[in-house]
């Protein structure tokens, strides 16, 4: 797999991990640690299927990221990794019905423009 593909797949897996974490944690938004106890709460969180999937995706993304860093210049790879922000913004709007504000659009457009510029080498 070439370096750019490693970086992009790593970004997609990282975004999937973040989305799965969000999905899994929605059921814990109103939970108070004192009412459940920290050990039990942590067990409940870490055995939630979405959280497990999130860690698996995030972990695989991290492994691919390591291979990408072995091949790519750091100043090339890290800016490209910001494509994860774009993916997560889109997922937040589409899957979680989060508001899409002008600031989010402008910021994400700037990130995307930076990714394009950096990838041009």
Protein backbone atom coordinates (compact mmCIF):
# COMPACT_ATOMS: atom_id res chain seq x y z
CA UNK A 1 0.00 0.00 0.00
CA UNK A 2 1.44 3.38 -0.90
CA UNK A 3 1.99 6.12 1.67
CA UNK A 4 -0.96 8.28 0.69
CA UNK A 5 -3.30 5.29 0.86
CA UNK A 6 -1.96 4.38 4.33
CA UNK A 7 -2.62 7.91 5.55
CA UNK A 8 -6.12 8.07 4.05
CA UNK A 9 -7.17 4.66 5.36
CA UNK A 10 -5.77 5.59 8.76
CA UNK A 11 -7.86 8.78 8.70
CA UNK A 12 -11.03 6.90 7.74
CA UNK A 13 -10.49 4.33 10.50
CA UNK A 14 -9.78 7.08 13.03
CA UNK A 15 -12.99 8.85 12.01
CA UNK A 16 -14.94 5.58 12.27
CA UNK A 17 -13.48 5.11 15.74
CA UNK A 18 -14.57 8.58 16.83
CA UNK A 19 -18.05 8.05 15.40
CA UNK A 20 -18.37 4.71 17.19
CA UNK A 21 -17.22 6.29 20.46
CA UNK A 22 -19.84 9.02 20.13
CA UNK A 23 -22.51 6.48 19.24
CA UNK A 24 -21.62 4.29 22.20
CA UNK A 25 -21.37 7.11 24.71
CA UNK A 26 -24.78 8.57 23.95
CA UNK A 27 -26.30 6.13 26.41
CA UNK A 28 -24.04 7.45 29.16
CA UNK A 29 -24.73 11.17 28.78
CA UNK A 30 -26.86 11.40 31.92
CA UNK A 31 -25.04 8.82 34.04
CA UNK A 32 -23.58 10.10 37.29
CA UNK A 33 -20.41 8.32 38.47
CA UNK A 34 -21.53 8.53 42.09
CA UNK A 35 -24.82 6.75 41.36
CA UNK A 36 -23.19 3.78 39.61
CA UNK A 37 -19.64 3.69 40.93
CA UNK A 38 -16.58 4.22 38.77
CA UNK A 39 -15.54 0.57 38.30
CA UNK A 40 -19.05 -0.46 37.21
CA UNK A 41 -19.40 2.58 34.94
CA UNK A 42 -16.06 1.87 33.26
CA UNK A 43 -17.03 -1.79 32.79
CA UNK A 44 -20.34 -0.73 31.23
CA UNK A 45 -18.59 1.70 28.91
CA UNK A 46 -15.79 -0.64 27.83
CA UNK A 47 -18.17 -3.52 27.15
CA UNK A 48 -20.51 -1.44 24.98
CA UNK A 49 -20.28 -2.87 21.45
CA UNK A 50 -19.90 0.54 19.79
CA UNK A 51 -17.04 1.42 22.12
CA UNK A 52 -15.30 -1.90 21.38
CA UNK A 53 -15.71 -1.26 17.64
CA UNK A 54 -14.40 2.26 18.16
CA UNK A 55 -11.25 1.00 19.87
CA UNK A 56 -10.71 -1.61 17.15
CA UNK A 57 -11.05 0.96 14.35
CA UNK A 58 -8.98 3.53 16.23
CA UNK A 59 -6.29 0.94 17.00
CA UNK A 60 -6.06 -0.33 13.43
CA UNK A 61 -5.91 3.27 12.23
CA UNK A 62 -3.04 3.92 14.63
CA UNK A 63 -1.11 0.89 13.36
CA UNK A 64 -1.53 2.04 9.75
CA UNK A 65 -0.49 5.52 10.84
CA UNK A 66 2.77 4.10 12.22
CA UNK A 67 3.49 2.45 8.87
CA UNK A 68 2.69 5.70 7.09
CA UNK A 69 5.08 7.61 9.36
CA UNK A 70 7.82 5.11 8.57
CA UNK A 71 7.56 6.06 4.89
CA UNK A 72 6.37 9.67 4.78
CA UNK A 73 7.84 12.99 5.83
CA UNK A 74 6.26 14.11 9.09
CA UNK A 75 5.55 17.54 7.61
CA UNK A 76 3.58 15.79 4.84
CA UNK A 77 1.74 13.14 6.86
CA UNK A 78 0.47 15.15 9.82
CA UNK A 79 -1.28 17.89 7.84
CA UNK A 80 -2.93 15.21 5.68
CA UNK A 81 -4.23 13.54 8.81
CA UNK A 82 -6.44 16.57 9.36
CA UNK A 83 -8.78 15.12 6.74
CA UNK A 84 -10.16 13.23 9.75
CA UNK A 85 -11.72 16.52 10.91
CA UNK A 86 -13.62 16.83 7.65
CA UNK A 87 -14.90 13.26 7.89
CA UNK A 88 -15.99 13.70 11.50
CA UNK A 89 -17.78 16.99 10.74
CA UNK A 90 -19.76 15.35 7.95
CA UNK A 91 -20.59 12.37 10.18
CA UNK A 92 -21.65 14.66 13.02
CA UNK A 93 -24.08 16.49 10.78
CA UNK A 94 -25.45 13.43 8.96
CA UNK A 95 -25.52 10.83 11.74
CA UNK A 96 -25.98 12.87 14.90
CA UNK A 97 -27.93 15.81 13.47
CA UNK A 98 -25.39 18.28 14.83
CA UNK A 99 -25.80 21.86 13.60
CA UNK A 100 -23.78 22.90 10.56
CA UNK A 101 -22.68 26.46 11.22
CA UNK A 102 -20.89 28.92 9.00
CA UNK A 103 -17.85 28.68 11.27
CA UNK A 104 -17.72 24.90 10.92
CA UNK A 105 -18.07 25.16 7.14
CA UNK A 106 -15.36 27.83 6.86
CA UNK A 107 -12.99 26.03 9.20
CA UNK A 108 -13.45 22.71 7.47
CA UNK A 109 -13.00 24.34 4.05
CA UNK A 110 -9.71 25.82 5.25
CA UNK A 111 -8.58 22.42 6.53
CA UNK A 112 -9.54 20.79 3.23
CA UNK A 113 -7.68 23.48 1.28
CA UNK A 114 -4.62 22.90 3.44
CA UNK A 115 -4.81 19.17 2.80
CA UNK A 116 -4.90 19.78 -0.94
CA UNK A 117 -1.93 22.15 -0.77
CA UNK A 118 0.16 19.83 1.38
CA UNK A 119 -0.62 16.80 -0.76
CA UNK A 120 0.72 18.59 -3.84
CA UNK A 121 4.25 18.32 -2.45
